Amino acid sequence: MRDSVWLALVTLLAPISWGTTYVTITEFLPDGRPMLVAVLRVLPAGLFLAVVGWWRSRWRPTVDEWKRLGLLAMCNFGVFFPLLIAAIYRLPGGVAASVGGVQPLLVGAITWIVASTAMRRLDIVVGLAAACGVAMVVIRPGASIDPIGVLAALGANVSFSAGVVATKRLPSFPDRLESTGLQMVIAAAVLVPLTLLVEGPPPAISPVNTLGFAYLSLIATGLAFVIWFTGIGRLPTQAPPVLGLAAPLTGAALGWLVLSEDLTAIQILGFATTIAAISYAATVGSTEPTPVTRPASVAEPAPSR
């Protein structure tokens, strides 16, 4: 139990670092270029991790492993990042972050679809409380609700939640660094031509932009996702999406500390509610919920672990 708590606390460092991306993207990176930001977020970190992993490990992916890497690459990076960054640009006031509050419920729903494993009632209650807590923290009165931005945020969270379930249920890879880097490189290979097609050539990159991209790629993406994938491979399925709620909390806290945004009583209550949910996720037992078998006509075989 103690080891599980420590693992959860270490895993928590990943979403905390992701929470800094809200300030980084809006304050230090070119405006209105979500595809470019997505590419430069995954490509440098992916190349670095892939090269280091290739050098230190004898593992070389098989054909089946390349297929799994491709699936995970699109869920975790190729679809998730462009949609998330587009939502951040289109939804001021933290609305994009608030949509992330539904991740625990999305993970539970996807797990039910692919593995016939129902969420426990307590997990559903915690997920609903977490979603409400995040909404209280990040949604401000008069916040702009852009329908396209909301759809982008929802799509991003569906993609990320599918990545959590797939990472948990599919067989793990022999080398964490190399597999993480290869996922990012695969995603970048898809995103680069799409970025040129949709947004055109990149603008001039300033020194401030360069520092922002370096931090976002190497620290808040490369290092963070190595920590994240290590954690979610060993933690119960219901824990990672709740731990991930530390990201919007961190973003709101930085807005208060760095951008001098006001902190209201509702936000303080939201902080307390979400922190309580995260604390539950950090101490949840190491056993999975009991599988619930659906009728044979609709049941699907669960992927092997």
C-alpha atoms as a PDB file:
ATOM      1  CA  MET A   1       0.000   0.000   0.000  1.00  0.00           C
ATOM      2  CA  ARG A   2       2.806   2.389   0.921  1.00  0.00           C
ATOM      3  CA  ASP A   3       4.605   1.667  -2.367  1.00  0.00           C
ATOM      4  CA  SER A   4       1.374   2.378  -4.267  1.00  0.00           C
ATOM      5  CA  VAL A   5       1.017   5.759  -2.539  1.00  0.00           C
ATOM      6  CA  TRP A   6       4.605   6.716  -3.353  1.00  0.00           C
ATOM      7  CA  LEU A   7       4.108   5.665  -6.963  1.00  0.00           C
ATOM      8  CA  ALA A   8       0.951   7.796  -7.156  1.00  0.00           C
ATOM      9  CA  LEU A   9       2.789  10.803  -5.700  1.00  0.00           C
ATOM     10  CA  VAL A  10       5.609  10.446  -8.218  1.00  0.00           C
ATOM     11  CA  THR A  11       3.086  10.021 -11.049  1.00  0.00           C
ATOM     12  CA  LEU A  12       1.409  13.209  -9.833  1.00  0.00           C
ATOM     13  CA  LEU A  13       4.498  15.166 -10.958  1.00  0.00           C
ATOM     14  CA  ALA A  14       3.457  14.617 -14.597  1.00  0.00           C
ATOM     15  CA  PRO A  15       0.056  16.374 -14.476  1.00  0.00           C
ATOM     16  CA  ILE A  16       1.536  19.101 -12.276  1.00  0.00           C
ATOM     17  CA  SER A  17       4.024  19.828 -15.058  1.00  0.00           C
ATOM     18  CA  TRP A  18       1.200  19.731 -17.621  1.00  0.00           C
ATOM     19  CA  GLY A  19      -0.571  22.395 -15.604  1.00  0.00           C
ATOM     20  CA  THR A  20       2.254  24.789 -16.436  1.00  0.00           C
ATOM     21  CA  THR A  21       1.515  24.460 -20.138  1.00  0.00           C
ATOM     22  CA  TYR A  22      -1.470  26.828 -19.898  1.00  0.00           C
ATOM     23  CA  VAL A  23       0.813  29.726 -18.923  1.00  0.00           C
ATOM     24  CA  THR A  24       3.601  28.573 -21.250  1.00  0.00           C
ATOM     25  CA  ILE A  25       1.381  28.373 -24.341  1.00  0.00           C
ATOM     26  CA  THR A  26      -0.483  31.631 -23.803  1.00  0.00           C
ATOM     27  CA  GLU A  27       2.484  33.718 -22.599  1.00  0.00           C
ATOM     28  CA  PHE A  28       5.569  32.365 -24.387  1.00  0.00           C
ATOM     29  CA  LEU A  29       4.514  30.706 -27.661  1.00  0.00           C
ATOM     30  CA  PRO A  30       3.217  32.042 -31.015  1.00  0.00           C
ATOM     31  CA  ASP A  31      -0.484  32.806 -30.934  1.00  0.00           C
ATOM     32  CA  GLY A  32      -3.012  30.925 -33.027  1.00  0.00           C
ATOM     33  CA  ARG A  33      -0.738  28.045 -34.145  1.00  0.00           C
ATOM     34  CA  PRO A  34      -2.044  24.967 -32.288  1.00  0.00           C
ATOM     35  CA  MET A  35      -0.699  22.475 -34.851  1.00  0.00           C
ATOM     36  CA  LEU A  36       2.772  24.024 -34.773  1.00  0.00           C
ATOM     37  CA  VAL A  37       2.778  23.983 -30.977  1.00  0.00           C
ATOM     38  CA  ALA A  38       1.716  20.319 -31.015  1.00  0.00           C
ATOM     39  CA  VAL A  39       4.539  19.407 -33.437  1.00  0.00           C
ATOM     40  CA  LEU A  40       7.245  21.259 -31.529  1.00  0.00           C
ATOM     41  CA  ARG A  41       5.955  19.798 -28.292  1.00  0.00           C
ATOM     42  CA  VAL A  42       6.400  16.172 -29.363  1.00  0.00           C
ATOM     43  CA  LEU A  43       9.174  16.190 -31.972  1.00  0.00           C
ATOM     44  CA  PRO A  44      12.253  17.363 -29.978  1.00  0.00           C
ATOM     45  CA  ALA A  45      11.364  15.261 -26.932  1.00  0.00           C
ATOM     46  CA  GLY A  46      10.477  12.273 -29.105  1.00  0.00           C
ATOM     47  CA  LEU A  47      13.753  12.337 -31.010  1.00  0.00           C
ATOM     48  CA  PHE A  48      15.755  12.709 -27.801  1.00  0.00           C
ATOM     49  CA  LEU A  49      14.010   9.854 -25.990  1.00  0.00           C
ATOM     50  CA  ALA A  50      14.043   7.575 -29.038  1.00  0.00           C
ATOM     51  CA  VAL A  51      17.780   8.085 -29.614  1.00  0.00           C
ATOM     52  CA  VAL A  52      18.651   7.588 -25.942  1.00  0.00           C
ATOM     53  CA  GLY A  53      16.421   4.511 -25.729  1.00  0.00           C
ATOM     54  CA  TRP A  54      17.808   3.066 -28.970  1.00  0.00           C
ATOM     55  CA  TRP A  55      21.347   3.517 -27.669  1.00  0.00           C
ATOM     56  CA  ARG A  56      20.802   2.067 -24.187  1.00  0.00           C
ATOM     57  CA  SER A  57      18.441  -0.794 -25.064  1.00  0.00           C
ATOM     58  CA  ARG A  58      18.615  -3.851 -27.320  1.00  0.00           C
ATOM     59  CA  TRP A  59      14.870  -3.794 -27.828  1.00  0.00           C
ATOM     60  CA  ARG A  60      13.687  -3.283 -31.409  1.00  0.00           C
ATOM     61  CA  PRO A  61       9.921  -3.227 -31.979  1.00  0.00           C
ATOM     62  CA  THR A  62       8.285  -6.109 -33.805  1.00  0.00           C
ATOM     63  CA  VAL A  63       5.521  -5.560 -36.367  1.00  0.00           C
ATOM     64  CA  ASP A  64       2.825  -6.062 -33.711  1.00  0.00           C
ATOM     65  CA  GLU A  65       4.621  -3.678 -31.356  1.00  0.00           C
ATOM     66  CA  TRP A  66       4.825  -1.031 -34.090  1.00  0.00           C
ATOM     67  CA  LYS A  67       1.045  -1.329 -34.483  1.00  0.00           C
ATOM     68  CA  ARG A  68       0.532  -0.812 -30.747  1.00  0.00           C
ATOM     69  CA  LEU A  69       2.960   2.110 -30.770  1.00  0.00           C
ATOM     70  CA  GLY A  70       1.006   3.693 -33.624  1.00  0.00           C
ATOM     71  CA  LEU A  71      -2.315   3.336 -31.813  1.00  0.00           C
ATOM     72  CA  LEU A  72      -0.935   4.778 -28.579  1.00  0.00           C
ATOM     73  CA  ALA A  73       0.886   7.553 -30.460  1.00  0.00           C
ATOM     74  CA  MET A  74      -2.352   8.849 -31.956  1.00  0.00           C
ATOM     75  CA  CYS A  75      -4.351   8.596 -28.721  1.00  0.00           C
ATOM     76  CA  ASN A  76      -1.688  10.098 -26.445  1.00  0.00           C
ATOM     77  CA  PHE A  77      -0.202  12.699 -28.797  1.00  0.00           C
ATOM     78  CA  GLY A  78      -1.332  12.833 -32.423  1.00  0.00           C
ATOM     79  CA  VAL A  79      -5.014  13.548 -31.725  1.00  0.00           C
ATOM     80  CA  PHE A  80      -4.836  14.742 -28.121  1.00  0.00           C
ATOM     81  CA  PHE A  81      -2.305  17.586 -28.417  1.00  0.00           C
ATOM     82  CA  PRO A  82      -3.722  19.487 -31.443  1.00  0.00           C
ATOM     83  CA  LEU A  83      -7.261  19.352 -30.053  1.00  0.00           C
ATOM     84  CA  LEU A  84      -6.156  20.362 -26.556  1.00  0.00           C
ATOM     85  CA  ILE A  85      -4.061  23.287 -27.762  1.00  0.00           C
ATOM     86  CA  ALA A  86      -6.839  24.452 -30.097  1.00  0.00           C
ATOM     87  CA  ALA A  87      -9.223  24.378 -27.123  1.00  0.00           C
ATOM     88  CA  ILE A  88      -6.789  26.403 -24.989  1.00  0.00           C
ATOM     89  CA  TYR A  89      -6.628  29.081 -27.684  1.00  0.00           C
ATOM     90  CA  ARG A  90     -10.400  29.180 -28.209  1.00  0.00           C
ATOM     91  CA  LEU A  91     -11.629  28.856 -24.615  1.00  0.00           C
ATOM     92  CA  PRO A  92     -10.379  31.584 -22.291  1.00  0.00           C
ATOM     93  CA  GLY A  93     -11.225  31.418 -18.631  1.00  0.00           C
ATOM     94  CA  GLY A  94     -10.164  27.820 -18.074  1.00  0.00           C
ATOM     95  CA  VAL A  95     -13.126  26.211 -19.818  1.00  0.00           C
ATOM     96  CA  ALA A  96     -10.757  23.889 -21.709  1.00  0.00           C
ATOM     97  CA  ALA A  97      -9.297  22.711 -18.426  1.00  0.00           C
ATOM     98  CA  SER A  98     -12.740  22.204 -16.922  1.00  0.00           C
ATOM     99  CA  VAL A  99     -13.642  19.697 -19.634  1.00  0.00           C
ATOM    100  CA  GLY A 100     -10.676  17.641 -18.394  1.00  0.00           C
ATOM    101  CA  GLY A 101     -12.624  17.076 -15.208  1.00  0.00           C
ATOM    102  CA  VAL A 102     -14.686  14.410 -16.963  1.00  0.00           C
ATOM    103  CA  GLN A 103     -11.621  12.225 -17.639  1.00  0.00           C
ATOM    104  CA  PRO A 104     -12.273   9.820 -14.718  1.00  0.00           C
ATOM    105  CA  LEU A 105     -15.765   9.162 -16.066  1.00  0.00           C
ATOM    106  CA  LEU A 106     -14.525   8.840 -19.660  1.00  0.00           C
ATOM    107  CA  VAL A 107     -11.895   6.303 -18.615  1.00  0.00           C
ATOM    108  CA  GLY A 108     -14.556   4.336 -16.745  1.00  0.00           C
ATOM    109  CA  ALA A 109     -16.887   4.400 -19.753  1.00  0.00           C
ATOM    110  CA  ILE A 110     -14.188   3.315 -22.218  1.00  0.00           C
ATOM    111  CA  THR A 111     -13.053   0.554 -19.856  1.00  0.00           C
ATOM    112  CA  TRP A 112     -16.632  -0.693 -19.695  1.00  0.00           C
ATOM    113  CA  ILE A 113     -16.901  -0.720 -23.500  1.00  0.00           C
ATOM    114  CA  VAL A 114     -13.647  -2.567 -24.194  1.00  0.00           C
ATOM    115  CA  ALA A 115     -13.340  -4.779 -21.128  1.00  0.00           C
ATOM    116  CA  SER A 116     -16.814  -5.176 -19.585  1.00  0.00           C
ATOM    117  CA  THR A 117     -15.434  -3.758 -16.326  1.00  0.00           C
ATOM    118  CA  ALA A 118     -17.916  -1.545 -14.507  1.00  0.00           C
ATOM    119  CA  MET A 119     -16.888   1.413 -12.357  1.00  0.00           C
ATOM    120  CA  ARG A 120     -17.521   1.068  -8.645  1.00  0.00           C
ATOM    121  CA  ARG A 121     -20.131   3.424  -7.234  1.00  0.00           C
ATOM    122  CA  LEU A 122     -17.523   5.167  -5.116  1.00  0.00           C
ATOM    123  CA  ASP A 123     -15.378   5.792  -8.216  1.00  0.00           C
ATOM    124  CA  ILE A 124     -18.400   7.302 -10.012  1.00  0.00           C
ATOM    125  CA  VAL A 125     -19.104   9.593  -7.056  1.00  0.00           C
ATOM    126  CA  VAL A 126     -15.449  10.643  -6.884  1.00  0.00           C
ATOM    127  CA  GLY A 127     -15.402  11.267 -10.635  1.00  0.00           C
ATOM    128  CA  LEU A 128     -18.505  13.464 -10.473  1.00  0.00           C
ATOM    129  CA  ALA A 129     -17.122  15.361  -7.474  1.00  0.00           C
ATOM    130  CA  ALA A 130     -13.801  15.854  -9.257  1.00  0.00           C
ATOM    131  CA  ALA A 131     -15.512  17.193 -12.388  1.00  0.00           C
ATOM    132  CA  CYS A 132     -17.516  19.668 -10.293  1.00  0.00           C
ATOM    133  CA  GLY A 133     -14.412  20.661  -8.328  1.00  0.00           C
ATOM    134  CA  VAL A 134     -12.381  21.378 -11.463  1.00  0.00           C
ATOM    135  CA  ALA A 135     -15.271  23.369 -12.941  1.00  0.00           C
ATOM    136  CA  MET A 136     -15.485  25.503  -9.782  1.00  0.00           C
ATOM    137  CA  VAL A 137     -11.752  26.175  -9.945  1.00  0.00           C
ATOM    138  CA  VAL A 138     -11.300  27.106 -13.581  1.00  0.00           C
ATOM    139  CA  ILE A 139     -14.604  28.448 -14.936  1.00  0.00           C
ATOM    140  CA  ARG A 140     -15.012  32.131 -14.182  1.00  0.00           C
ATOM    141  CA  PRO A 141     -18.189  34.213 -14.456  1.00  0.00           C
ATOM    142  CA  GLY A 142     -18.649  35.439 -18.017  1.00  0.00           C
ATOM    143  CA  ALA A 143     -16.198  32.905 -19.454  1.00  0.00           C
ATOM    144  CA  SER A 144     -16.490  32.609 -23.236  1.00  0.00           C
ATOM    145  CA  ILE A 145     -18.062  29.333 -24.392  1.00  0.00           C
ATOM    146  CA  ASP A 146     -16.973  28.663 -27.973  1.00  0.00           C
ATOM    147  CA  PRO A 147     -18.789  25.558 -29.333  1.00  0.00           C
ATOM    148  CA  ILE A 148     -15.859  24.521 -31.525  1.00  0.00           C
ATOM    149  CA  GLY A 149     -13.486  24.950 -28.591  1.00  0.00           C
ATOM    150  CA  VAL A 150     -15.716  22.837 -26.345  1.00  0.00           C
ATOM    151  CA  LEU A 151     -15.871  20.075 -28.962  1.00  0.00           C
ATOM    152  CA  ALA A 152     -12.086  20.228 -29.360  1.00  0.00           C
ATOM    153  CA  ALA A 153     -11.612  19.955 -25.593  1.00  0.00           C
ATOM    154  CA  LEU A 154     -14.045  17.046 -25.365  1.00  0.00           C
ATOM    155  CA  GLY A 155     -12.369  15.260 -28.284  1.00  0.00           C
ATOM    156  CA  ALA A 156      -8.962  15.785 -26.688  1.00  0.00           C
ATOM    157  CA  ASN A 157     -10.111  14.233 -23.436  1.00  0.00           C
ATOM    158  CA  VAL A 158     -11.751  11.267 -25.167  1.00  0.00           C
ATOM    159  CA  SER A 159      -8.471  10.646 -26.998  1.00  0.00           C
ATOM    160  CA  PHE A 160      -6.395  10.950 -23.819  1.00  0.00           C
ATOM    161  CA  SER A 161      -8.762   8.715 -21.851  1.00  0.00           C
ATOM    162  CA  ALA A 162      -8.580   6.077 -24.599  1.00  0.00           C
ATOM    163  CA  GLY A 163      -4.787   6.311 -24.331  1.00  0.00           C
ATOM    164  CA  VAL A 164      -4.951   5.716 -20.578  1.00  0.00           C
ATOM    165  CA  VAL A 165      -7.083   2.595 -21.043  1.00  0.00           C
ATOM    166  CA  ALA A 166      -4.964   1.278 -23.929  1.00  0.00           C
ATOM    167  CA  THR A 167      -1.692   1.896 -22.079  1.00  0.00           C
ATOM    168  CA  LYS A 168      -3.069   0.077 -19.046  1.00  0.00           C
ATOM    169  CA  ARG A 169      -4.526  -2.929 -20.865  1.00  0.00           C
ATOM    170  CA  LEU A 170      -2.147  -3.571 -23.761  1.00  0.00           C
ATOM    171  CA  PRO A 171       1.126  -5.413 -23.123  1.00  0.00           C
ATOM    172  CA  SER A 172       3.855  -3.066 -21.935  1.00  0.00           C
ATOM    173  CA  PHE A 173       6.989  -2.394 -23.955  1.00  0.00           C
ATOM    174  CA  PRO A 174      10.443  -3.604 -22.824  1.00  0.00           C
ATOM    175  CA  ASP A 175      11.928  -0.095 -22.795  1.00  0.00           C
ATOM    176  CA  ARG A 176       9.913   2.827 -21.441  1.00  0.00           C
ATOM    177  CA  LEU A 177      12.170   5.613 -22.770  1.00  0.00           C
ATOM    178  CA  GLU A 178      12.343   4.261 -26.298  1.00  0.00           C
ATOM    179  CA  SER A 179       8.652   3.401 -26.541  1.00  0.00           C
ATOM    180  CA  THR A 180       7.648   6.860 -25.294  1.00  0.00           C
ATOM    181  CA  GLY A 181      10.009   8.542 -27.742  1.00  0.00           C
ATOM    182  CA  LEU A 182       8.818   6.408 -30.660  1.00  0.00           C
ATOM    183  CA  GLN A 183       5.196   7.284 -29.889  1.00  0.00           C
ATOM    184  CA  MET A 184       6.079  10.982 -30.053  1.00  0.00           C
ATOM    185  CA  VAL A 185       8.058  10.588 -33.287  1.00  0.00           C
ATOM    186  CA  ILE A 186       5.177   8.681 -34.918  1.00  0.00           C
ATOM    187  CA  ALA A 187       2.746  11.418 -33.861  1.00  0.00           C
ATOM    188  CA  ALA A 188       5.099  14.110 -35.193  1.00  0.00           C
ATOM    189  CA  ALA A 189       5.420  12.283 -38.528  1.00  0.00           C
ATOM    190  CA  VAL A 190       1.641  12.557 -38.910  1.00  0.00           C
ATOM    191  CA  LEU A 191       1.376  16.114 -37.580  1.00  0.00           C
ATOM    192  CA  VAL A 192       4.186  17.757 -39.592  1.00  0.00           C
ATOM    193  CA  PRO A 193       2.527  17.467 -43.055  1.00  0.00           C
ATOM    194  CA  LEU A 194      -0.882  18.308 -41.568  1.00  0.00           C
ATOM    195  CA  THR A 195       0.591  21.406 -39.924  1.00  0.00           C
ATOM    196  CA  LEU A 196       2.109  22.616 -43.202  1.00  0.00           C
ATOM    197  CA  LEU A 197      -1.174  21.959 -44.987  1.00  0.00           C
ATOM    198  CA  VAL A 198      -3.431  23.639 -42.410  1.00  0.00           C
ATOM    199  CA  GLU A 199      -1.244  26.436 -40.995  1.00  0.00           C
ATOM    200  CA  GLY A 200       1.429  26.909 -43.638  1.00  0.00           C
ATOM    201  CA  PRO A 201       5.128  27.550 -42.953  1.00  0.00           C
ATOM    202  CA  PRO A 202       6.052  28.368 -39.352  1.00  0.00           C
ATOM    203  CA  PRO A 203       6.495  32.007 -38.328  1.00  0.00           C
ATOM    204  CA  ALA A 204       9.768  33.471 -37.108  1.00  0.00           C
ATOM    205  CA  ILE A 205      10.619  31.955 -33.716  1.00  0.00           C
ATOM    206  CA  SER A 206      11.892  34.413 -31.091  1.00  0.00           C
ATOM    207  CA  PRO A 207      14.325  33.529 -28.270  1.00  0.00           C
ATOM    208  CA  VAL A 208      11.392  33.605 -25.845  1.00  0.00           C
ATOM    209  CA  ASN A 209       9.484  31.186 -28.099  1.00  0.00           C
ATOM    210  CA  THR A 210      12.546  28.912 -28.209  1.00  0.00           C
ATOM    211  CA  LEU A 211      12.773  28.755 -24.407  1.00  0.00           C
ATOM    212  CA  GLY A 212       9.046  28.093 -24.192  1.00  0.00           C
ATOM    213  CA  PHE A 213       9.205  25.257 -26.723  1.00  0.00           C
ATOM    214  CA  ALA A 214      12.280  23.745 -25.040  1.00  0.00           C
ATOM    215  CA  TYR A 215      10.565  23.639 -21.642  1.00  0.00           C
ATOM    216  CA  LEU A 216       7.257  22.429 -23.075  1.00  0.00           C
ATOM    217  CA  SER A 217       8.865  19.626 -25.099  1.00  0.00           C
ATOM    218  CA  LEU A 218      11.696  18.324 -22.925  1.00  0.00           C
ATOM    219  CA  ILE A 219      10.263  18.820 -19.418  1.00  0.00           C
ATOM    220  CA  ALA A 220       6.464  19.087 -19.614  1.00  0.00           C
ATOM    221  CA  THR A 221       6.212  16.435 -22.344  1.00  0.00           C
ATOM    222  CA  GLY A 222       9.272  14.154 -22.593  1.00  0.00           C
ATOM    223  CA  LEU A 223      10.093  13.760 -18.909  1.00  0.00           C
ATOM    224  CA  ALA A 224       6.471  14.077 -17.813  1.00  0.00           C
ATOM    225  CA  PHE A 225       5.183  11.321 -20.088  1.00  0.00           C
ATOM    226  CA  VAL A 226       7.959   8.902 -19.118  1.00  0.00           C
ATOM    227  CA  ILE A 227       6.831   9.388 -15.502  1.00  0.00           C
ATOM    228  CA  TRP A 228       3.158   9.141 -16.497  1.00  0.00           C
ATOM    229  CA  PHE A 229       3.450   5.944 -18.544  1.00  0.00           C
ATOM    230  CA  THR A 230       5.490   4.309 -15.794  1.00  0.00           C
ATOM    231  CA  GLY A 231       2.834   5.179 -13.232  1.00  0.00           C
ATOM    232  CA  ILE A 232      -0.302   4.254 -15.145  1.00  0.00           C
ATOM    233  CA  GLY A 233       1.168   0.891 -16.070  1.00  0.00           C
ATOM    234  CA  ARG A 234       1.307  -0.042 -12.376  1.00  0.00           C
ATOM    235  CA  LEU A 235      -1.541   1.923 -10.767  1.00  0.00           C
ATOM    236  CA  PRO A 236      -5.219   0.841 -10.751  1.00  0.00           C
ATOM    237  CA  THR A 237      -7.120   2.012 -13.828  1.00  0.00           C
ATOM    238  CA  GLN A 238      -9.304   4.408 -11.853  1.00  0.00           C
ATOM    239  CA  ALA A 239      -6.364   6.271 -10.284  1.00  0.00           C
ATOM    240  CA  PRO A 240      -4.510   7.994 -13.211  1.00  0.00           C
ATOM    241  CA  PRO A 241      -7.402  10.084 -14.607  1.00  0.00           C
ATOM    242  CA  VAL A 242      -8.126  11.500 -11.146  1.00  0.00           C
ATOM    243  CA  LEU A 243      -4.435  12.201 -10.566  1.00  0.00           C
ATOM    244  CA  GLY A 244      -4.470  13.990 -13.928  1.00  0.00           C
ATOM    245  CA  LEU A 245      -6.796  16.603 -12.457  1.00  0.00           C
ATOM    246  CA  ALA A 246      -3.723  18.132 -10.820  1.00  0.00           C
ATOM    247  CA  ALA A 247      -3.066  19.729 -14.226  1.00  0.00           C
ATOM    248  CA  PRO A 248      -5.979  22.215 -14.228  1.00  0.00           C
ATOM    249  CA  LEU A 249      -5.424  22.891 -10.519  1.00  0.00           C
ATOM    250  CA  THR A 250      -1.799  23.763 -11.223  1.00  0.00           C
ATOM    251  CA  GLY A 251      -2.856  25.957 -14.133  1.00  0.00           C
ATOM    252  CA  ALA A 252      -5.335  27.827 -11.941  1.00  0.00           C
ATOM    253  CA  ALA A 253      -2.781  28.219  -9.143  1.00  0.00           C
ATOM    254  CA  LEU A 254      -0.213  29.639 -11.577  1.00  0.00           C
ATOM    255  CA  GLY A 255      -2.819  32.030 -12.928  1.00  0.00           C
ATOM    256  CA  TRP A 256      -3.312  33.265  -9.390  1.00  0.00           C
ATOM    257  CA  LEU A 257       0.397  33.425  -8.497  1.00  0.00           C
ATOM    258  CA  VAL A 258       1.948  34.489 -11.820  1.00  0.00           C
ATOM    259  CA  LEU A 259      -0.814  36.285 -13.689  1.00  0.00           C
ATOM    260  CA  SER A 260      -2.338  37.955 -10.602  1.00  0.00           C
ATOM    261  CA  GLU A 261      -5.779  36.481 -11.225  1.00  0.00           C
ATOM    262  CA  ASP A 262      -8.328  36.648  -8.431  1.00  0.00           C
ATOM    263  CA  LEU A 263      -9.062  33.589  -6.290  1.00  0.00           C
ATOM    264  CA  THR A 264     -12.707  33.413  -5.181  1.00  0.00           C
ATOM    265  CA  ALA A 265     -14.404  31.452  -2.427  1.00  0.00           C
ATOM    266  CA  ILE A 266     -15.951  29.154  -5.074  1.00  0.00           C
ATOM    267  CA  GLN A 267     -12.496  28.413  -6.458  1.00  0.00           C
ATOM    268  CA  ILE A 268     -11.143  27.626  -2.993  1.00  0.00           C
ATOM    269  CA  LEU A 269     -14.022  25.177  -2.475  1.00  0.00           C
ATOM    270  CA  GLY A 270     -13.262  23.675  -5.898  1.00  0.00           C
ATOM    271  CA  PHE A 271      -9.596  23.281  -4.947  1.00  0.00           C
ATOM    272  CA  ALA A 272     -10.566  21.468  -1.748  1.00  0.00           C
ATOM    273  CA  THR A 273     -13.011  19.172  -3.572  1.00  0.00           C
ATOM    274  CA  THR A 274     -10.559  18.228  -6.320  1.00  0.00           C
ATOM    275  CA  ILE A 275      -7.645  17.756  -3.910  1.00  0.00           C
ATOM    276  CA  ALA A 276      -9.839  15.377  -1.902  1.00  0.00           C
ATOM    277  CA  ALA A 277     -10.537  13.395  -5.093  1.00  0.00           C
ATOM    278  CA  ILE A 278      -6.817  13.304  -5.941  1.00  0.00           C
ATOM    279  CA  SER A 279      -6.030  12.128  -2.411  1.00  0.00           C
ATOM    280  CA  TYR A 280      -8.511   9.288  -2.875  1.00  0.00           C
ATOM    281  CA  ALA A 281      -6.830   8.311  -6.153  1.00  0.00           C
ATOM    282  CA  ALA A 282      -3.391   8.370  -4.522  1.00  0.00           C
ATOM    283  CA  THR A 283      -4.460   5.951  -1.789  1.00  0.00           C
ATOM    284  CA  VAL A 284      -6.832   3.677  -3.741  1.00  0.00           C
ATOM    285  CA  GLY A 285      -6.057  -0.005  -3.392  1.00  0.00           C
ATOM    286  CA  SER A 286      -4.018  -1.919  -5.903  1.00  0.00           C
ATOM    287  CA  THR A 287      -6.865  -4.161  -7.032  1.00  0.00           C
ATOM    288  CA  GLU A 288      -9.024  -3.494 -10.076  1.00  0.00           C
ATOM    289  CA  PRO A 289     -12.840  -3.380  -9.968  1.00  0.00           C
ATOM    290  CA  THR A 290     -14.529  -6.762 -10.369  1.00  0.00           C
ATOM    291  CA  PRO A 291     -15.299  -7.473 -14.034  1.00  0.00           C
ATOM    292  CA  VAL A 292     -18.985  -7.514 -14.890  1.00  0.00           C
ATOM    293  CA  THR A 293     -19.793  -9.844 -17.766  1.00  0.00           C
ATOM    294  CA  ARG A 294     -22.214  -8.536 -20.354  1.00  0.00           C
ATOM    295  CA  PRO A 295     -24.416 -10.796 -22.525  1.00  0.00           C
ATOM    296  CA  ALA A 296     -22.432 -12.888 -24.992  1.00  0.00           C
ATOM    297  CA  SER A 297     -24.012 -11.139 -27.977  1.00  0.00           C
ATOM    298  CA  VAL A 298     -22.409  -7.815 -27.091  1.00  0.00           C
ATOM    299  CA  ALA A 299     -19.407  -8.843 -25.050  1.00  0.00           C
ATOM    300  CA  GLU A 300     -15.971  -8.177 -26.536  1.00  0.00           C
ATOM    301  CA  PRO A 301     -12.758  -9.981 -25.644  1.00  0.00           C
ATOM    302  CA  ALA A 302     -10.466  -7.943 -23.403  1.00  0.00           C
ATOM    303  CA  PRO A 303      -6.946  -7.311 -24.717  1.00  0.00           C
ATOM    304  CA  SER A 304      -4.327  -9.435 -23.028  1.00  0.00           C
ATOM    305  CA  ARG A 305      -2.188  -7.741 -20.433  1.00  0.00           C
END
